[in-house]
Amino acid sequence: MHPRTTVALATAALLLTATACSPSDSDSKATDTPAPAGTTSAPVYDPAAWKTRIATLVTQLGQEQNGCDISPSAEPCATLLRSVDETILDMTSALADSGKAARYPATSDHLGMIIDGYNTYISRYCPGNPAADDQDSECRVAVATVVMGMATLPSDMAQDAGRNSPWHRPATSTVTVRTGVAR
């Protein structure tokens, strides 16, 4: 191949790559909804959208829980827990990146508990490990932590949402002290 042809083809390839990677107008707009599971961008924390996403995962967990109870080492269980972990990490990042973590303390703590359960599942080499299926395996505890954590997460989300409602008034106690001489 002629050297000029090679340079021209390389330049054309670079231009095509740069054009394909440059953001379009639709790519540059921010979104208030969480990204679908498996994406890498940190979504904005929108409680209603996250509530829907968590409800979908809880439904999936409910359908697959028996498989995880029988065999925590099984690939379907590992795949489901991985999906939960990705969603929870996205949600944690969205809370932190939006600066709202302090406004959602119960949700933040609950997310941390679920992440700890998944990290235990991975650090104990549960996926694909036949020892994970033993009745006294730490893997079973880790799976239960993730599954129960997901099942109860919506209640903490609702608690925090109520706390952040414009109609919420923190409980206060008022004591009236009268000083002076009694008449």
N, C-alpha and C. Protein backbone atom coordinates (compact mmCIF):
# COMPACT_ATOMS: atom_id res chain seq x y z
N MET A 1 0.85 -1.17 0.00
CA MET A 1 0.00 0.00 0.00
C MET A 1 0.90 1.23 0.00
N HIS A 2 0.49 2.25 -0.69
CA HIS A 2 1.26 3.49 -0.81
C HIS A 2 1.24 4.22 0.53
N PRO A 3 2.36 4.84 0.97
CA PRO A 3 2.42 5.54 2.26
C PRO A 3 1.36 6.62 2.39
N ARG A 4 1.05 7.35 1.34
CA ARG A 4 0.03 8.40 1.43
C ARG A 4 -1.36 7.79 1.64
N THR A 5 -1.62 6.66 1.04
CA THR A 5 -2.90 5.98 1.23
C THR A 5 -3.04 5.52 2.67
N THR A 6 -1.97 5.00 3.25
CA THR A 6 -1.99 4.55 4.63
C THR A 6 -2.27 5.72 5.57
N VAL A 7 -1.62 6.86 5.35
CA VAL A 7 -1.84 8.05 6.18
C VAL A 7 -3.28 8.54 6.02
N ALA A 8 -3.77 8.54 4.80
CA ALA A 8 -5.14 8.99 4.55
C ALA A 8 -6.15 8.09 5.24
N LEU A 9 -5.93 6.78 5.20
CA LEU A 9 -6.84 5.84 5.87
C LEU A 9 -6.78 6.00 7.39
N ALA A 10 -5.59 6.19 7.92
CA ALA A 10 -5.44 6.38 9.36
C ALA A 10 -6.13 7.67 9.80
N THR A 11 -5.98 8.74 9.02
CA THR A 11 -6.63 10.00 9.33
C THR A 11 -8.15 9.85 9.27
N ALA A 12 -8.65 9.17 8.27
CA ALA A 12 -10.09 8.94 8.14
C ALA A 12 -10.62 8.14 9.32
N ALA A 13 -9.86 7.14 9.74
CA ALA A 13 -10.28 6.32 10.88
C ALA A 13 -10.33 7.15 12.16
N LEU A 14 -9.33 8.02 12.35
CA LEU A 14 -9.33 8.90 13.53
C LEU A 14 -10.50 9.85 13.51
N LEU A 15 -10.81 10.42 12.36
CA LEU A 15 -11.95 11.33 12.25
C LEU A 15 -13.25 10.61 12.54
N LEU A 16 -13.41 9.41 12.03
CA LEU A 16 -14.62 8.63 12.30
C LEU A 16 -14.74 8.30 13.78
N THR A 17 -13.63 7.94 14.39
CA THR A 17 -13.64 7.63 15.81
C THR A 17 -13.97 8.86 16.63
N ALA A 18 -13.37 10.00 16.30
CA ALA A 18 -13.65 11.23 17.03
C ALA A 18 -15.09 11.65 16.86
N THR A 19 -15.65 11.50 15.67
CA THR A 19 -17.05 11.86 15.44
C THR A 19 -17.97 10.94 16.20
N ALA A 20 -17.66 9.65 16.22
CA ALA A 20 -18.51 8.69 16.93
C ALA A 20 -18.47 8.90 18.43
N CYS A 21 -17.36 9.40 18.97
CA CYS A 21 -17.20 9.57 20.41
C CYS A 21 -17.63 10.94 20.89
N SER A 22 -17.84 11.89 19.99
CA SER A 22 -18.21 13.23 20.45
C SER A 22 -19.67 13.24 20.87
N PRO A 23 -19.98 13.98 21.94
CA PRO A 23 -21.36 13.98 22.44
C PRO A 23 -22.29 14.74 21.50
N SER A 24 -23.47 14.21 21.34
CA SER A 24 -24.50 14.91 20.58
C SER A 24 -25.32 15.75 21.55
N ASP A 25 -26.25 16.54 21.02
CA ASP A 25 -27.07 17.37 21.89
C ASP A 25 -27.86 16.52 22.88
N SER A 26 -28.35 15.38 22.43
CA SER A 26 -29.14 14.54 23.33
C SER A 26 -28.27 13.90 24.41
N ASP A 27 -26.98 13.67 24.13
CA ASP A 27 -26.09 13.08 25.13
C ASP A 27 -25.71 14.07 26.22
N SER A 28 -25.72 15.35 25.93
CA SER A 28 -25.23 16.34 26.89
C SER A 28 -26.29 16.78 27.89
N LYS A 29 -27.52 16.37 27.70
CA LYS A 29 -28.58 16.77 28.63
C LYS A 29 -28.56 15.88 29.86
N ALA A 30 -28.70 16.50 31.03
CA ALA A 30 -28.71 15.75 32.29
C ALA A 30 -30.06 15.05 32.44
N THR A 31 -30.06 13.97 33.17
CA THR A 31 -31.29 13.23 33.41
C THR A 31 -31.53 13.10 34.90
N ASP A 32 -32.79 13.05 35.28
CA ASP A 32 -33.14 12.89 36.68
C ASP A 32 -33.55 11.46 37.00
N THR A 33 -33.39 10.56 36.07
CA THR A 33 -33.75 9.18 36.32
C THR A 33 -32.50 8.34 36.40
N PRO A 34 -32.55 7.27 37.19
CA PRO A 34 -31.37 6.44 37.30
C PRO A 34 -31.08 5.72 36.00
N ALA A 35 -29.81 5.48 35.78
CA ALA A 35 -29.40 4.74 34.59
C ALA A 35 -29.79 3.28 34.76
N PRO A 36 -30.04 2.57 33.66
CA PRO A 36 -30.38 1.15 33.78
C PRO A 36 -29.24 0.36 34.40
N ALA A 37 -29.59 -0.79 34.97
CA ALA A 37 -28.58 -1.64 35.60
C ALA A 37 -27.49 -1.99 34.59
N GLY A 38 -26.26 -1.97 35.07
CA GLY A 38 -25.14 -2.34 34.22
C GLY A 38 -24.46 -1.16 33.55
N THR A 39 -24.98 0.06 33.72
CA THR A 39 -24.31 1.21 33.11
C THR A 39 -23.30 1.76 34.09
N THR A 40 -22.38 2.57 33.59
CA THR A 40 -21.31 3.05 34.45
C THR A 40 -21.46 4.50 34.86
N SER A 41 -22.36 5.27 34.25
CA SER A 41 -22.50 6.67 34.64
C SER A 41 -23.27 6.78 35.94
N ALA A 42 -22.88 7.73 36.77
CA ALA A 42 -23.54 7.93 38.05
C ALA A 42 -24.81 8.75 37.85
N PRO A 43 -25.97 8.16 38.10
CA PRO A 43 -27.22 8.86 37.90
C PRO A 43 -27.51 9.86 39.01
N VAL A 44 -28.44 10.76 38.76
CA VAL A 44 -28.89 11.73 39.74
C VAL A 44 -29.78 11.01 40.74
N TYR A 45 -29.78 11.44 42.00
CA TYR A 45 -30.62 10.79 42.99
C TYR A 45 -32.01 11.38 42.94
N ASP A 46 -32.92 10.62 42.36
CA ASP A 46 -34.34 10.96 42.31
C ASP A 46 -35.07 9.85 43.07
N PRO A 47 -35.56 10.14 44.29
CA PRO A 47 -36.14 9.09 45.12
C PRO A 47 -37.24 8.27 44.43
N ALA A 48 -38.11 8.92 43.68
CA ALA A 48 -39.20 8.18 43.02
C ALA A 48 -38.67 7.20 41.99
N ALA A 49 -37.70 7.62 41.21
CA ALA A 49 -37.14 6.73 40.19
C ALA A 49 -36.37 5.58 40.84
N TRP A 50 -35.64 5.87 41.91
CA TRP A 50 -34.91 4.81 42.60
C TRP A 50 -35.87 3.84 43.26
N LYS A 51 -36.97 4.35 43.79
CA LYS A 51 -37.97 3.48 44.42
C LYS A 51 -38.49 2.46 43.40
N THR A 52 -38.75 2.91 42.18
CA THR A 52 -39.21 2.01 41.12
C THR A 52 -38.13 0.98 40.78
N ARG A 53 -36.91 1.43 40.67
CA ARG A 53 -35.82 0.52 40.32
C ARG A 53 -35.59 -0.52 41.41
N ILE A 54 -35.66 -0.09 42.66
CA ILE A 54 -35.48 -1.01 43.78
C ILE A 54 -36.65 -2.01 43.82
N ALA A 55 -37.87 -1.55 43.59
CA ALA A 55 -39.03 -2.45 43.59
C ALA A 55 -38.88 -3.53 42.53
N THR A 56 -38.34 -3.17 41.37
CA THR A 56 -38.11 -4.16 40.30
C THR A 56 -37.10 -5.21 40.75
N LEU A 57 -36.02 -4.77 41.38
CA LEU A 57 -35.01 -5.71 41.87
C LEU A 57 -35.54 -6.60 42.99
N VAL A 58 -36.36 -6.03 43.87
CA VAL A 58 -36.94 -6.81 44.96
C VAL A 58 -37.83 -7.91 44.39
N THR A 59 -38.58 -7.58 43.34
CA THR A 59 -39.41 -8.58 42.67
C THR A 59 -38.55 -9.70 42.10
N GLN A 60 -37.46 -9.33 41.42
CA GLN A 60 -36.53 -10.33 40.88
C GLN A 60 -35.95 -11.20 41.99
N LEU A 61 -35.57 -10.56 43.09
CA LEU A 61 -35.00 -11.31 44.22
C LEU A 61 -36.03 -12.29 44.78
N GLY A 62 -37.28 -11.85 44.88
CA GLY A 62 -38.33 -12.73 45.38
C GLY A 62 -38.51 -13.96 44.51
N GLN A 63 -38.40 -13.78 43.21
CA GLN A 63 -38.56 -14.89 42.28
C GLN A 63 -37.36 -15.83 42.32
N GLU A 64 -36.19 -15.31 42.56
CA GLU A 64 -34.96 -16.11 42.52
C GLU A 64 -34.44 -16.50 43.90
N GLN A 65 -35.09 -16.03 44.95
CA GLN A 65 -34.57 -16.27 46.29
C GLN A 65 -34.45 -17.75 46.62
N ASN A 66 -35.41 -18.55 46.19
CA ASN A 66 -35.35 -19.98 46.48
C ASN A 66 -34.07 -20.59 45.91
N GLY A 67 -33.69 -20.18 44.71
CA GLY A 67 -32.45 -20.68 44.11
C GLY A 67 -31.23 -20.28 44.92
N CYS A 68 -31.24 -19.06 45.43
CA CYS A 68 -30.11 -18.60 46.26
C CYS A 68 -30.11 -19.32 47.61
N ASP A 69 -31.30 -19.62 48.13
CA ASP A 69 -31.38 -20.35 49.40
C ASP A 69 -30.84 -21.77 49.24
N ILE A 70 -31.16 -22.41 48.13
CA ILE A 70 -30.71 -23.78 47.89
C ILE A 70 -29.22 -23.81 47.59
N SER A 71 -28.76 -22.91 46.73
CA SER A 71 -27.36 -22.94 46.29
C SER A 71 -26.81 -21.53 46.13
N PRO A 72 -26.25 -20.95 47.20
CA PRO A 72 -25.64 -19.63 47.10
C PRO A 72 -24.48 -19.58 46.10
N SER A 73 -23.90 -20.73 45.78
CA SER A 73 -22.77 -20.77 44.86
C SER A 73 -23.19 -20.75 43.39
N ALA A 74 -24.47 -20.98 43.13
CA ALA A 74 -24.95 -21.12 41.75
C ALA A 74 -24.80 -19.81 40.97
N GLU A 75 -24.53 -19.95 39.67
CA GLU A 75 -24.33 -18.79 38.80
C GLU A 75 -25.55 -17.86 38.76
N PRO A 76 -26.79 -18.39 38.69
CA PRO A 76 -27.94 -17.46 38.69
C PRO A 76 -28.00 -16.60 39.95
N CYS A 77 -27.65 -17.19 41.09
CA CYS A 77 -27.63 -16.43 42.34
C CYS A 77 -26.53 -15.37 42.30
N ALA A 78 -25.35 -15.76 41.85
CA ALA A 78 -24.23 -14.81 41.76
C ALA A 78 -24.56 -13.67 40.80
N THR A 79 -25.20 -13.98 39.69
CA THR A 79 -25.56 -12.96 38.71
C THR A 79 -26.58 -11.98 39.29
N LEU A 80 -27.57 -12.52 39.99
CA LEU A 80 -28.58 -11.67 40.61
C LEU A 80 -27.97 -10.76 41.67
N LEU A 81 -27.11 -11.32 42.51
CA LEU A 81 -26.46 -10.50 43.54
C LEU A 81 -25.54 -9.46 42.93
N ARG A 82 -24.91 -9.79 41.83
CA ARG A 82 -24.06 -8.82 41.12
C ARG A 82 -24.91 -7.66 40.62
N SER A 83 -26.08 -7.97 40.09
CA SER A 83 -27.00 -6.93 39.61
C SER A 83 -27.45 -6.03 40.77
N VAL A 84 -27.74 -6.63 41.91
CA VAL A 84 -28.10 -5.86 43.10
C VAL A 84 -26.94 -4.95 43.49
N ASP A 85 -25.73 -5.50 43.52
CA ASP A 85 -24.57 -4.71 43.91
C ASP A 85 -24.35 -3.53 42.99
N GLU A 86 -24.48 -3.75 41.68
CA GLU A 86 -24.30 -2.65 40.72
C GLU A 86 -25.33 -1.56 40.95
N THR A 87 -26.57 -1.95 41.20
CA THR A 87 -27.63 -0.97 41.45
C THR A 87 -27.38 -0.21 42.74
N ILE A 88 -27.01 -0.92 43.79
CA ILE A 88 -26.76 -0.28 45.08
C ILE A 88 -25.56 0.66 45.00
N LEU A 89 -24.51 0.25 44.28
CA LEU A 89 -23.36 1.15 44.11
C LEU A 89 -23.75 2.38 43.31
N ASP A 90 -24.58 2.22 42.28
CA ASP A 90 -25.07 3.37 41.51
C ASP A 90 -25.87 4.31 42.41
N MET A 91 -26.72 3.72 43.24
CA MET A 91 -27.56 4.53 44.12
C MET A 91 -26.71 5.27 45.15
N THR A 92 -25.71 4.58 45.70
CA THR A 92 -24.80 5.21 46.67
C THR A 92 -24.05 6.36 46.02
N SER A 93 -23.57 6.15 44.81
CA SER A 93 -22.85 7.21 44.08
C SER A 93 -23.78 8.38 43.78
N ALA A 94 -25.00 8.07 43.38
CA ALA A 94 -25.96 9.14 43.08
C ALA A 94 -26.25 9.98 44.32
N LEU A 95 -26.40 9.33 45.46
CA LEU A 95 -26.62 10.07 46.71
C LEU A 95 -25.42 10.95 47.04
N ALA A 96 -24.24 10.38 46.95
CA ALA A 96 -23.02 11.13 47.28
C ALA A 96 -22.78 12.26 46.29
N ASP A 97 -22.90 11.96 44.99
CA ASP A 97 -22.63 12.96 43.95
C ASP A 97 -23.63 14.11 43.97
N SER A 98 -24.85 13.83 44.40
CA SER A 98 -25.87 14.87 44.44
C SER A 98 -25.78 15.68 45.74
N GLY A 99 -24.95 15.24 46.68
CA GLY A 99 -24.82 15.94 47.95
C GLY A 99 -25.99 15.69 48.89
N LYS A 100 -26.77 14.64 48.64
CA LYS A 100 -27.97 14.38 49.43
C LYS A 100 -27.80 13.27 50.46
N ALA A 101 -26.63 12.70 50.58
CA ALA A 101 -26.44 11.58 51.49
C ALA A 101 -26.80 11.95 52.93
N ALA A 102 -26.47 13.16 53.35
CA ALA A 102 -26.78 13.58 54.72
C ALA A 102 -28.29 13.73 54.94
N ARG A 103 -29.02 14.01 53.87
CA ARG A 103 -30.49 14.15 53.98
C ARG A 103 -31.19 12.80 53.99
N TYR A 104 -30.46 11.74 53.65
CA TYR A 104 -31.02 10.40 53.58
C TYR A 104 -30.18 9.43 54.42
N PRO A 105 -30.10 9.67 55.74
CA PRO A 105 -29.20 8.85 56.57
C PRO A 105 -29.62 7.39 56.68
N ALA A 106 -30.90 7.12 56.84
CA ALA A 106 -31.33 5.72 56.97
C ALA A 106 -31.07 4.96 55.68
N THR A 107 -31.34 5.61 54.55
CA THR A 107 -31.10 4.98 53.25
C THR A 107 -29.60 4.73 53.06
N SER A 108 -28.78 5.72 53.38
CA SER A 108 -27.33 5.57 53.24
C SER A 108 -26.78 4.44 54.09
N ASP A 109 -27.23 4.35 55.34
CA ASP A 109 -26.78 3.28 56.22
C ASP A 109 -27.22 1.92 55.68
N HIS A 110 -28.44 1.85 55.20
CA HIS A 110 -28.98 0.60 54.68
C HIS A 110 -28.21 0.14 53.43
N LEU A 111 -27.88 1.09 52.56
CA LEU A 111 -27.09 0.77 51.37
C LEU A 111 -25.73 0.20 51.78
N GLY A 112 -25.12 0.78 52.80
CA GLY A 112 -23.84 0.29 53.29
C GLY A 112 -23.93 -1.14 53.80
N MET A 113 -25.04 -1.48 54.47
CA MET A 113 -25.23 -2.83 54.97
C MET A 113 -25.34 -3.83 53.81
N ILE A 114 -26.06 -3.46 52.76
CA ILE A 114 -26.21 -4.35 51.60
C ILE A 114 -24.86 -4.53 50.90
N ILE A 115 -24.11 -3.45 50.74
CA ILE A 115 -22.79 -3.53 50.13
C ILE A 115 -21.87 -4.43 50.95
N ASP A 116 -21.92 -4.31 52.28
CA ASP A 116 -21.10 -5.17 53.14
C ASP A 116 -21.47 -6.64 52.95
N GLY A 117 -22.78 -6.92 52.82
CA GLY A 117 -23.21 -8.30 52.59
C GLY A 117 -22.67 -8.85 51.28
N TYR A 118 -22.74 -8.05 50.23
CA TYR A 118 -22.23 -8.50 48.93
C TYR A 118 -20.71 -8.66 48.97
N ASN A 119 -20.02 -7.73 49.62
CA ASN A 119 -18.56 -7.83 49.73
C ASN A 119 -18.15 -9.10 50.47
N THR A 120 -18.92 -9.48 51.49
CA THR A 120 -18.65 -10.73 52.20
C THR A 120 -18.85 -11.91 51.26
N TYR A 121 -19.91 -11.86 50.48
CA TYR A 121 -20.21 -12.93 49.50
C TYR A 121 -19.02 -13.11 48.55
N ILE A 122 -18.47 -12.02 48.09
CA ILE A 122 -17.34 -12.09 47.15
C ILE A 122 -16.05 -12.47 47.88
N SER A 123 -15.77 -11.87 49.03
CA SER A 123 -14.51 -12.13 49.73
C SER A 123 -14.41 -13.54 50.28
N ARG A 124 -15.53 -14.20 50.48
CA ARG A 124 -15.53 -15.60 50.95
C ARG A 124 -15.54 -16.58 49.77
N TYR A 125 -15.38 -16.05 48.56
CA TYR A 125 -15.33 -16.88 47.34
C TYR A 125 -16.58 -17.74 47.18
N CYS A 126 -17.74 -17.14 47.43
CA CYS A 126 -19.00 -17.90 47.36
C CYS A 126 -19.41 -18.29 45.94
N PRO A 127 -19.30 -17.39 44.94
CA PRO A 127 -19.76 -17.78 43.60
C PRO A 127 -18.96 -18.97 43.06
N GLY A 128 -19.67 -20.03 42.69
CA GLY A 128 -19.02 -21.18 42.10
C GLY A 128 -18.31 -22.11 43.08
N ASN A 129 -18.35 -21.81 44.36
CA ASN A 129 -17.67 -22.61 45.36
C ASN A 129 -18.65 -23.56 46.03
N PRO A 130 -18.50 -24.89 45.86
CA PRO A 130 -19.43 -25.84 46.46
C PRO A 130 -19.52 -25.72 47.98
N ALA A 131 -18.46 -25.27 48.64
CA ALA A 131 -18.49 -25.10 50.10
C ALA A 131 -19.48 -24.01 50.51
N ALA A 132 -19.81 -23.12 49.59
CA ALA A 132 -20.77 -22.06 49.90
C ALA A 132 -22.17 -22.61 50.16
N ASP A 133 -22.43 -23.81 49.67
CA ASP A 133 -23.75 -24.42 49.82
C ASP A 133 -23.93 -25.15 51.15
N ASP A 134 -22.87 -25.25 51.95
CA ASP A 134 -22.99 -25.87 53.27
C ASP A 134 -23.97 -25.07 54.13
N GLN A 135 -24.68 -25.77 54.99
CA GLN A 135 -25.70 -25.12 55.82
C GLN A 135 -25.12 -24.04 56.73
N ASP A 136 -23.91 -24.23 57.23
CA ASP A 136 -23.32 -23.25 58.16
C ASP A 136 -22.35 -22.29 57.46
N SER A 137 -22.46 -22.18 56.18
CA SER A 137 -21.57 -21.33 55.39
C SER A 137 -21.85 -19.85 55.63
N GLU A 138 -20.78 -19.07 55.69
CA GLU A 138 -20.92 -17.61 55.79
C GLU A 138 -21.59 -17.05 54.54
N CYS A 139 -21.52 -17.79 53.46
CA CYS A 139 -22.13 -17.35 52.20
C CYS A 139 -23.64 -17.23 52.34
N ARG A 140 -24.23 -18.15 53.09
CA ARG A 140 -25.68 -18.09 53.31
C ARG A 140 -26.06 -16.82 54.09
N VAL A 141 -25.23 -16.47 55.06
CA VAL A 141 -25.48 -15.25 55.84
C VAL A 141 -25.34 -14.03 54.93
N ALA A 142 -24.33 -14.04 54.08
CA ALA A 142 -24.12 -12.91 53.16
C ALA A 142 -25.28 -12.76 52.20
N VAL A 143 -25.77 -13.87 51.65
CA VAL A 143 -26.93 -13.83 50.75
C VAL A 143 -28.15 -13.30 51.49
N ALA A 144 -28.36 -13.78 52.71
CA ALA A 144 -29.51 -13.32 53.50
C ALA A 144 -29.40 -11.82 53.80
N THR A 145 -28.19 -11.34 54.06
CA THR A 145 -27.99 -9.91 54.31
C THR A 145 -28.40 -9.08 53.10
N VAL A 146 -28.01 -9.53 51.92
CA VAL A 146 -28.34 -8.80 50.70
C VAL A 146 -29.85 -8.88 50.43
N VAL A 147 -30.41 -10.07 50.50
CA VAL A 147 -31.83 -10.27 50.17
C VAL A 147 -32.72 -9.51 51.17
N MET A 148 -32.46 -9.68 52.45
CA MET A 148 -33.28 -8.98 53.46
C MET A 148 -33.04 -7.47 53.40
N GLY A 149 -31.81 -7.09 53.13
CA GLY A 149 -31.51 -5.67 53.00
C GLY A 149 -32.30 -5.03 51.88
N MET A 150 -32.37 -5.72 50.76
CA MET A 150 -33.14 -5.20 49.62
C MET A 150 -34.63 -5.16 49.94
N ALA A 151 -35.11 -6.18 50.65
CA ALA A 151 -36.54 -6.25 50.97
C ALA A 151 -36.97 -5.13 51.92
N THR A 152 -36.05 -4.70 52.80
CA THR A 152 -36.41 -3.67 53.77
C THR A 152 -35.93 -2.27 53.39
N LEU A 153 -35.15 -2.15 52.31
CA LEU A 153 -34.66 -0.84 51.86
C LEU A 153 -35.79 0.15 51.57
N PRO A 154 -36.88 -0.26 50.91
CA PRO A 154 -37.94 0.71 50.64
C PRO A 154 -38.52 1.39 51.88
N SER A 155 -38.54 0.68 53.02
CA SER A 155 -39.07 1.32 54.23
C SER A 155 -38.14 2.44 54.72
N ASP A 156 -36.82 2.24 54.62
CA ASP A 156 -35.89 3.30 55.01
C ASP A 156 -35.95 4.46 54.02
N MET A 157 -36.14 4.13 52.73
CA MET A 157 -36.28 5.19 51.73
C MET A 157 -37.52 6.04 52.03
N ALA A 158 -38.62 5.38 52.42
CA ALA A 158 -39.85 6.10 52.74
C ALA A 158 -39.68 6.94 54.00
N GLN A 159 -38.96 6.39 54.98
CA GLN A 159 -38.69 7.14 56.21
C GLN A 159 -37.92 8.42 55.91
N ASP A 160 -36.87 8.30 55.09
CA ASP A 160 -36.08 9.48 54.73
C ASP A 160 -36.89 10.45 53.88
N ALA A 161 -37.71 9.93 52.98
CA ALA A 161 -38.54 10.81 52.14
C ALA A 161 -39.50 11.60 53.00
N GLY A 162 -40.08 10.95 54.01
CA GLY A 162 -40.98 11.65 54.92
C GLY A 162 -40.26 12.71 55.72
N ARG A 163 -39.04 12.41 56.11
CA ARG A 163 -38.22 13.36 56.87
C ARG A 163 -37.90 14.59 56.02
N ASN A 164 -37.78 14.39 54.70
CA ASN A 164 -37.42 15.49 53.79
C ASN A 164 -38.63 16.18 53.18
N SER A 165 -39.80 15.76 53.57
CA SER A 165 -41.03 16.35 53.06
C SER A 165 -41.17 17.79 53.57
N PRO A 166 -41.71 18.68 52.75
CA PRO A 166 -41.90 20.06 53.23
C PRO A 166 -42.92 20.14 54.36
N TRP A 167 -43.72 19.10 54.54
CA TRP A 167 -44.73 19.12 55.60
C TRP A 167 -44.24 18.48 56.87
N HIS A 168 -43.03 17.93 56.84
CA HIS A 168 -42.48 17.29 58.03
C HIS A 168 -41.99 18.35 59.00
N ARG A 169 -42.42 18.21 60.22
CA ARG A 169 -41.94 19.10 61.28
C ARG A 169 -41.26 18.22 62.32
N PRO A 170 -40.00 18.50 62.59
CA PRO A 170 -39.31 17.69 63.59
C PRO A 170 -39.98 17.82 64.95
N ALA A 171 -39.97 16.74 65.69
CA ALA A 171 -40.56 16.75 67.02
C ALA A 171 -39.73 17.68 67.91
N THR A 172 -40.41 18.57 68.55
CA THR A 172 -39.74 19.46 69.48
C THR A 172 -40.54 19.50 70.76
N SER A 173 -39.89 19.79 71.82
CA SER A 173 -40.62 19.95 73.08
C SER A 173 -40.43 21.40 73.50
N THR A 174 -41.51 21.96 73.93
CA THR A 174 -41.48 23.35 74.35
C THR A 174 -41.82 23.41 75.84
N VAL A 175 -40.99 24.10 76.55
CA VAL A 175 -41.23 24.28 77.97
C VAL A 175 -41.37 25.78 78.20
N THR A 176 -42.46 26.14 78.80
CA THR A 176 -42.67 27.54 79.12
C THR A 176 -42.31 27.74 80.57
N VAL A 177 -41.40 28.66 80.79
CA VAL A 177 -40.97 28.97 82.15
C VAL A 177 -41.38 30.39 82.43
N ARG A 178 -42.13 30.55 83.47
CA ARG A 178 -42.54 31.89 83.88
C ARG A 178 -41.74 32.27 85.10
N THR A 179 -41.20 33.41 85.00
CA THR A 179 -40.42 33.88 86.13
C THR A 179 -41.09 35.13 86.69
N GLY A 180 -40.80 35.39 87.87
CA GLY A 180 -41.36 36.58 88.47
C GLY A 180 -42.07 36.22 89.78
N VAL A 181 -42.69 37.18 90.31
CA VAL A 181 -43.32 37.04 91.60
C VAL A 181 -44.78 36.62 91.38
N ALA A 182 -45.22 35.65 92.16
CA ALA A 182 -46.60 35.21 92.06
C ALA A 182 -47.49 36.23 92.71
N ARG A 183 -48.65 36.51 92.17
CA ARG A 183 -49.57 37.47 92.76
C ARG A 183 -50.72 36.84 93.40
